[in-house]
Amino acid sequence: MTAPLIPPSALKSGESNMQVTGNLMRFVVTANLLGFPAISIPVGYDKQGLPIGLQIIGRPWCEATILRLASAIEELWSAKKKPMQFYDLLRGN
């Protein structure tokens, strides 16, 4: 399943826009209500340095498939720029 680009790019911290939030939730709610496993991963940054994410939605009971796919995509992007403040929760730093 794919979703169209939702302009504008990411909002800045503390910024609120109910139109954008409504557009974003339109795709998230469907997966949740139908019980489809979904995961969102960072895949890059726009021209302003704001993050771009990719949401992967799988078939019911196929969590392992989307986790493997998300892990492979993260490996491809692991060498890319990290945010100025980055906390690796799995490493405990």
N, C-alpha and C. Protein backbone atom coordinates (compact mmCIF):
# COMPACT_ATOMS: atom_id res chain seq x y z
N MET A 1 0.84 -1.16 0.00
CA MET A 1 0.00 0.00 0.00
C MET A 1 0.89 1.23 0.00
N THR A 2 0.58 2.19 -0.80
CA THR A 2 1.32 3.44 -0.80
C THR A 2 0.34 4.59 -0.57
N ALA A 3 0.88 5.70 -0.14
CA ALA A 3 0.07 6.89 0.09
C ALA A 3 0.72 8.05 -0.66
N PRO A 4 -0.07 9.00 -1.08
CA PRO A 4 0.50 10.14 -1.79
C PRO A 4 1.32 11.03 -0.87
N LEU A 5 2.15 11.86 -1.48
CA LEU A 5 2.92 12.86 -0.74
C LEU A 5 1.94 13.79 -0.04
N ILE A 6 2.23 14.09 1.20
CA ILE A 6 1.37 14.99 1.97
C ILE A 6 2.13 16.27 2.23
N PRO A 7 1.87 17.32 1.46
CA PRO A 7 2.57 18.58 1.69
C PRO A 7 1.99 19.30 2.89
N PRO A 8 2.67 20.21 3.51
CA PRO A 8 4.09 20.49 3.32
C PRO A 8 4.92 19.41 3.98
N SER A 9 6.24 19.62 4.01
CA SER A 9 7.10 18.65 4.68
C SER A 9 6.85 18.73 6.19
N ALA A 10 7.67 18.07 6.97
CA ALA A 10 7.48 17.99 8.42
C ALA A 10 7.33 19.36 9.07
N LEU A 11 6.48 19.41 10.09
CA LEU A 11 6.33 20.64 10.85
C LEU A 11 7.49 20.79 11.82
N LYS A 12 7.82 22.01 12.16
CA LYS A 12 8.89 22.25 13.13
C LYS A 12 8.38 21.96 14.53
N SER A 13 9.29 21.71 15.45
CA SER A 13 8.94 21.41 16.83
C SER A 13 8.06 22.50 17.40
N GLY A 14 6.93 22.11 17.97
CA GLY A 14 6.00 23.07 18.56
C GLY A 14 5.00 23.65 17.57
N GLU A 15 5.21 23.44 16.28
CA GLU A 15 4.31 23.97 15.26
C GLU A 15 3.10 23.04 15.13
N SER A 16 1.93 23.60 14.93
CA SER A 16 0.71 22.80 14.82
C SER A 16 -0.07 23.21 13.58
N ASN A 17 -0.62 22.24 12.88
CA ASN A 17 -1.43 22.51 11.71
C ASN A 17 -2.46 21.39 11.60
N MET A 18 -3.70 21.66 11.96
CA MET A 18 -4.73 20.62 12.00
C MET A 18 -5.04 20.06 10.61
N GLN A 19 -4.89 20.86 9.56
CA GLN A 19 -5.12 20.36 8.20
C GLN A 19 -4.10 19.28 7.86
N VAL A 20 -2.82 19.54 8.16
CA VAL A 20 -1.77 18.56 7.90
C VAL A 20 -1.97 17.33 8.78
N THR A 21 -2.30 17.54 10.05
CA THR A 21 -2.53 16.42 10.96
C THR A 21 -3.67 15.54 10.45
N GLY A 22 -4.74 16.15 10.00
CA GLY A 22 -5.86 15.39 9.44
C GLY A 22 -5.46 14.59 8.22
N ASN A 23 -4.67 15.20 7.35
CA ASN A 23 -4.19 14.49 6.15
C ASN A 23 -3.31 13.30 6.53
N LEU A 24 -2.46 13.47 7.53
CA LEU A 24 -1.58 12.38 7.96
C LEU A 24 -2.38 11.25 8.61
N MET A 25 -3.31 11.59 9.47
CA MET A 25 -4.07 10.58 10.20
C MET A 25 -4.96 9.75 9.29
N ARG A 26 -5.32 10.30 8.16
CA ARG A 26 -6.17 9.60 7.21
C ARG A 26 -5.56 8.25 6.81
N PHE A 27 -4.23 8.18 6.75
CA PHE A 27 -3.57 6.94 6.34
C PHE A 27 -3.18 6.06 7.53
N VAL A 28 -2.95 6.66 8.68
CA VAL A 28 -2.57 5.90 9.87
C VAL A 28 -3.77 5.16 10.45
N VAL A 29 -4.90 5.82 10.51
CA VAL A 29 -6.09 5.25 11.13
C VAL A 29 -6.55 3.98 10.42
N THR A 30 -6.47 3.96 9.11
CA THR A 30 -6.93 2.80 8.34
C THR A 30 -6.22 1.53 8.79
N ALA A 31 -4.89 1.58 8.87
CA ALA A 31 -4.12 0.40 9.29
C ALA A 31 -4.50 -0.01 10.71
N ASN A 32 -4.64 0.96 11.60
CA ASN A 32 -4.98 0.65 12.99
C ASN A 32 -6.35 0.00 13.12
N LEU A 33 -7.34 0.55 12.46
CA LEU A 33 -8.70 0.02 12.58
C LEU A 33 -8.84 -1.37 11.96
N LEU A 34 -8.10 -1.63 10.89
CA LEU A 34 -8.20 -2.92 10.22
C LEU A 34 -7.26 -3.97 10.82
N GLY A 35 -6.41 -3.56 11.75
CA GLY A 35 -5.50 -4.50 12.39
C GLY A 35 -4.28 -4.85 11.56
N PHE A 36 -3.96 -4.03 10.58
CA PHE A 36 -2.77 -4.29 9.76
C PHE A 36 -1.53 -3.82 10.52
N PRO A 37 -0.46 -4.62 10.51
CA PRO A 37 0.77 -4.16 11.15
C PRO A 37 1.38 -3.03 10.32
N ALA A 38 1.90 -2.03 10.99
CA ALA A 38 2.49 -0.89 10.29
C ALA A 38 3.71 -0.40 11.06
N ILE A 39 4.65 0.14 10.33
CA ILE A 39 5.85 0.71 10.94
C ILE A 39 6.25 1.94 10.14
N SER A 40 6.77 2.92 10.82
CA SER A 40 7.24 4.15 10.18
C SER A 40 8.73 4.28 10.43
N ILE A 41 9.48 4.56 9.37
CA ILE A 41 10.94 4.67 9.50
C ILE A 41 11.43 5.93 8.81
N PRO A 42 12.51 6.54 9.32
CA PRO A 42 13.09 7.71 8.66
C PRO A 42 13.85 7.27 7.41
N VAL A 43 13.69 8.03 6.33
CA VAL A 43 14.39 7.69 5.08
C VAL A 43 15.18 8.84 4.49
N GLY A 44 15.19 9.99 5.15
CA GLY A 44 15.96 11.10 4.61
C GLY A 44 15.52 12.43 5.20
N TYR A 45 15.98 13.48 4.56
CA TYR A 45 15.69 14.84 5.01
C TYR A 45 15.35 15.71 3.81
N ASP A 46 14.47 16.70 4.03
CA ASP A 46 14.13 17.62 2.95
C ASP A 46 15.16 18.74 2.87
N LYS A 47 14.91 19.72 2.01
CA LYS A 47 15.86 20.82 1.80
C LYS A 47 16.10 21.65 3.05
N GLN A 48 15.11 21.68 3.96
CA GLN A 48 15.26 22.44 5.20
C GLN A 48 15.88 21.59 6.32
N GLY A 49 16.22 20.35 6.03
CA GLY A 49 16.80 19.48 7.04
C GLY A 49 15.77 18.77 7.91
N LEU A 50 14.49 18.87 7.54
CA LEU A 50 13.44 18.21 8.29
C LEU A 50 13.31 16.75 7.84
N PRO A 51 12.94 15.85 8.75
CA PRO A 51 12.91 14.42 8.41
C PRO A 51 11.78 14.04 7.46
N ILE A 52 12.07 13.04 6.64
CA ILE A 52 11.09 12.43 5.75
C ILE A 52 10.94 10.98 6.21
N GLY A 53 9.71 10.53 6.37
CA GLY A 53 9.47 9.17 6.84
C GLY A 53 8.74 8.33 5.80
N LEU A 54 8.85 7.03 5.97
CA LEU A 54 8.17 6.06 5.12
C LEU A 54 7.37 5.15 6.04
N GLN A 55 6.09 4.99 5.75
CA GLN A 55 5.26 4.07 6.52
C GLN A 55 5.04 2.81 5.68
N ILE A 56 5.33 1.67 6.28
CA ILE A 56 5.12 0.38 5.63
C ILE A 56 3.94 -0.29 6.32
N ILE A 57 2.95 -0.71 5.53
CA ILE A 57 1.78 -1.38 6.07
C ILE A 57 1.75 -2.78 5.47
N GLY A 58 1.63 -3.79 6.34
CA GLY A 58 1.65 -5.17 5.87
C GLY A 58 0.31 -5.86 5.98
N ARG A 59 0.30 -7.11 5.57
CA ARG A 59 -0.90 -7.93 5.71
C ARG A 59 -1.08 -8.34 7.18
N PRO A 60 -2.30 -8.65 7.57
CA PRO A 60 -2.50 -9.11 8.95
C PRO A 60 -1.60 -10.30 9.28
N TRP A 61 -1.06 -10.29 10.48
CA TRP A 61 -0.20 -11.34 11.02
C TRP A 61 1.14 -11.45 10.30
N CYS A 62 1.55 -10.42 9.59
CA CYS A 62 2.84 -10.46 8.87
C CYS A 62 3.81 -9.43 9.44
N GLU A 63 3.81 -9.29 10.77
CA GLU A 63 4.70 -8.33 11.42
C GLU A 63 6.16 -8.60 11.08
N ALA A 64 6.56 -9.87 11.06
CA ALA A 64 7.96 -10.22 10.80
C ALA A 64 8.40 -9.71 9.43
N THR A 65 7.52 -9.76 8.45
CA THR A 65 7.86 -9.30 7.10
C THR A 65 8.16 -7.81 7.07
N ILE A 66 7.28 -7.00 7.69
CA ILE A 66 7.53 -5.56 7.63
C ILE A 66 8.70 -5.16 8.52
N LEU A 67 8.95 -5.91 9.60
CA LEU A 67 10.12 -5.62 10.44
C LEU A 67 11.41 -5.90 9.67
N ARG A 68 11.45 -7.00 8.91
CA ARG A 68 12.65 -7.29 8.10
C ARG A 68 12.85 -6.22 7.03
N LEU A 69 11.77 -5.81 6.38
CA LEU A 69 11.87 -4.78 5.35
C LEU A 69 12.33 -3.45 5.95
N ALA A 70 11.75 -3.07 7.08
CA ALA A 70 12.15 -1.83 7.75
C ALA A 70 13.61 -1.88 8.16
N SER A 71 14.06 -3.02 8.66
CA SER A 71 15.46 -3.16 9.06
C SER A 71 16.39 -3.01 7.86
N ALA A 72 16.02 -3.60 6.73
CA ALA A 72 16.84 -3.48 5.51
C ALA A 72 16.91 -2.03 5.04
N ILE A 73 15.79 -1.33 5.10
CA ILE A 73 15.78 0.08 4.68
C ILE A 73 16.62 0.92 5.63
N GLU A 74 16.52 0.66 6.93
CA GLU A 74 17.34 1.40 7.90
C GLU A 74 18.83 1.16 7.65
N GLU A 75 19.21 -0.05 7.28
CA GLU A 75 20.61 -0.34 6.97
C GLU A 75 21.09 0.53 5.81
N LEU A 76 20.25 0.70 4.80
CA LEU A 76 20.61 1.53 3.65
C LEU A 76 20.82 2.99 4.04
N TRP A 77 20.06 3.46 5.04
CA TRP A 77 20.12 4.86 5.44
C TRP A 77 20.98 5.10 6.67
N SER A 78 21.62 4.07 7.22
CA SER A 78 22.36 4.22 8.48
C SER A 78 23.53 5.19 8.39
N ALA A 79 24.11 5.36 7.21
CA ALA A 79 25.25 6.26 7.06
C ALA A 79 24.81 7.70 6.80
N LYS A 80 23.52 7.93 6.69
CA LYS A 80 23.02 9.28 6.40
C LYS A 80 23.07 10.15 7.65
N LYS A 81 22.87 11.43 7.43
CA LYS A 81 22.91 12.43 8.50
C LYS A 81 21.92 12.11 9.62
N LYS A 82 22.41 12.20 10.85
CA LYS A 82 21.54 12.04 12.02
C LYS A 82 21.18 13.43 12.55
N PRO A 83 20.09 13.55 13.31
CA PRO A 83 19.74 14.84 13.89
C PRO A 83 20.84 15.36 14.81
N MET A 84 20.83 16.66 15.08
CA MET A 84 21.85 17.26 15.94
C MET A 84 21.81 16.62 17.33
N GLN A 85 20.64 16.29 17.83
CA GLN A 85 20.53 15.58 19.11
C GLN A 85 19.98 14.20 18.81
N PHE A 86 20.81 13.19 19.04
CA PHE A 86 20.43 11.82 18.74
C PHE A 86 20.71 10.94 19.95
N TYR A 87 19.71 10.22 20.41
CA TYR A 87 19.86 9.32 21.55
C TYR A 87 19.54 7.90 21.08
N ASP A 88 20.54 7.05 21.10
CA ASP A 88 20.33 5.66 20.72
C ASP A 88 19.79 4.92 21.94
N LEU A 89 18.49 4.71 21.99
CA LEU A 89 17.85 4.10 23.15
C LEU A 89 18.26 2.65 23.35
N LEU A 90 18.62 1.97 22.28
CA LEU A 90 19.01 0.57 22.41
C LEU A 90 20.40 0.42 22.99
N ARG A 91 21.25 1.42 22.82
CA ARG A 91 22.60 1.37 23.36
C ARG A 91 22.70 2.04 24.72
N GLY A 92 21.66 2.75 25.13
CA GLY A 92 21.61 3.35 26.46
C GLY A 92 22.52 4.54 26.68
N ASN A 93 22.82 5.32 25.63
CA ASN A 93 23.68 6.50 25.83
C ASN A 93 22.87 7.76 25.95
